[in-house]
Amino acid sequence: MARGWESKSVELQKDLSESDRKDIAKQRLNADDAAKLRRKETLLLARAHLLQQMQASQHPRHREMLQTALAALEKDLVDLGATNPTARSD
C-alpha cells in the first residue's frame, strides 16, 4: 500500500527529532539548553500538525490562516537555531 505525503512528513519529523535527541543525549544539558530543546520539539510537532491540517483543509480562508500560522512557527524555529526547519540534518 502506498504511503501518503502526510505520513512521510510525520515520519521525517520523528526521525529528525530522534536524531536530535541522540546527538543531545551525548552531551549534558543545562536548564536553558533543555528548555530550548523542548521548545524546538514542541514547535516541530505543532508544525507537523499544521501540515496535516493543511492537507485536509479545503476552505481558502482556513488554508490562509494555517499558512500564516505555519510561517510564524517556521520563524520561531529559525529563531531557535533550526536554520531550515524543513531540512533534515543527518
Protein backbone atom coordinates (compact mmCIF):
# COMPACT_ATOMS: atom_id res chain seq x y z
CA MET A 1 0.00 0.00 0.00
CA ALA A 2 1.39 3.39 -0.95
CA ARG A 3 2.17 5.82 1.79
CA GLY A 4 0.91 9.35 1.53
CA TRP A 5 2.90 12.56 1.72
CA GLU A 6 1.43 13.26 5.14
CA SER A 7 2.75 10.06 6.75
CA LYS A 8 6.16 10.60 5.18
CA SER A 9 6.30 14.11 6.60
CA VAL A 10 5.42 12.89 10.07
CA GLU A 11 7.98 10.08 9.79
CA LEU A 12 10.65 12.56 8.68
CA GLN A 13 9.89 14.79 11.66
CA LYS A 14 10.07 11.81 14.03
CA ASP A 15 13.43 10.77 12.57
CA LEU A 16 14.69 14.33 12.86
CA SER A 17 13.52 14.54 16.44
CA GLU A 18 15.12 11.19 17.32
CA SER A 19 18.43 12.13 15.72
CA ASP A 20 18.42 15.46 17.58
CA ARG A 21 17.72 13.64 20.84
CA LYS A 22 20.54 11.15 20.25
CA ASP A 23 23.01 13.91 19.49
CA ILE A 24 21.99 15.93 22.51
CA ALA A 25 21.81 12.91 24.82
CA LYS A 26 25.56 12.58 24.35
CA GLN A 27 26.02 15.96 25.98
CA ARG A 28 24.93 17.14 29.39
CA LEU A 29 22.34 19.85 29.06
CA ASN A 30 21.94 22.79 31.34
CA ALA A 31 18.45 24.06 32.14
CA ASP A 32 18.47 26.66 29.35
CA ASP A 33 19.54 24.16 26.70
CA ALA A 34 16.96 21.62 27.86
CA ALA A 35 14.21 24.25 27.70
CA LYS A 36 15.34 25.27 24.21
CA LEU A 37 15.27 21.65 23.05
CA ARG A 38 11.77 21.14 24.47
CA ARG A 39 10.59 24.32 22.74
CA LYS A 40 12.08 23.19 19.43
CA GLU A 41 10.42 19.77 19.69
CA THR A 42 7.10 21.40 20.57
CA LEU A 43 7.34 23.68 17.53
CA LEU A 44 8.20 20.75 15.25
CA LEU A 45 5.20 18.80 16.48
CA ALA A 46 2.94 21.83 16.02
CA ARG A 47 4.36 22.26 12.51
CA ALA A 48 3.59 18.64 11.66
CA HIS A 49 0.06 19.12 12.95
CA LEU A 50 -0.43 22.26 10.84
CA LEU A 51 0.85 20.48 7.74
CA GLN A 52 -1.65 17.70 8.40
CA GLN A 53 -4.47 20.22 8.75
CA MET A 54 -3.42 22.00 5.55
CA GLN A 55 -3.54 18.70 3.70
CA ALA A 56 -7.15 18.17 4.79
CA SER A 57 -8.36 21.77 4.53
CA GLN A 58 -10.43 22.79 1.56
CA HIS A 59 -11.68 26.22 2.58
CA PRO A 60 -9.43 29.00 1.21
CA ARG A 61 -9.64 31.21 4.32
CA HIS A 62 -8.85 28.31 6.61
CA ARG A 63 -5.84 27.37 4.46
CA GLU A 64 -4.70 31.00 4.55
CA MET A 65 -4.93 31.00 8.35
CA LEU A 66 -2.97 27.74 8.53
CA GLN A 67 -0.30 29.10 6.18
CA THR A 68 0.07 32.20 8.37
CA ALA A 69 0.42 30.01 11.46
CA LEU A 70 2.96 27.80 9.66
CA ALA A 71 5.03 30.83 8.68
CA ALA A 72 5.05 32.01 12.30
CA LEU A 73 6.13 28.57 13.54
CA GLU A 74 8.92 28.38 10.98
CA LYS A 75 10.11 31.85 12.02
CA ASP A 76 10.18 30.69 15.65
CA LEU A 77 12.16 27.60 14.62
CA VAL A 78 14.69 29.75 12.77
CA ASP A 79 14.96 32.00 15.83
CA LEU A 80 15.69 28.92 17.95
CA GLY A 81 18.54 27.95 15.70
CA ALA A 82 16.86 25.43 13.42
CA THR A 83 18.09 27.34 10.36
CA ASN A 84 15.95 25.33 7.96
CA PRO A 85 13.07 23.58 9.75
CA THR A 86 12.16 21.59 6.64
CA ALA A 87 15.66 20.25 6.04
CA ARG A 88 16.83 17.04 7.61
CA SER A 89 20.19 17.07 9.34
CA ASP A 90 21.91 13.64 9.34
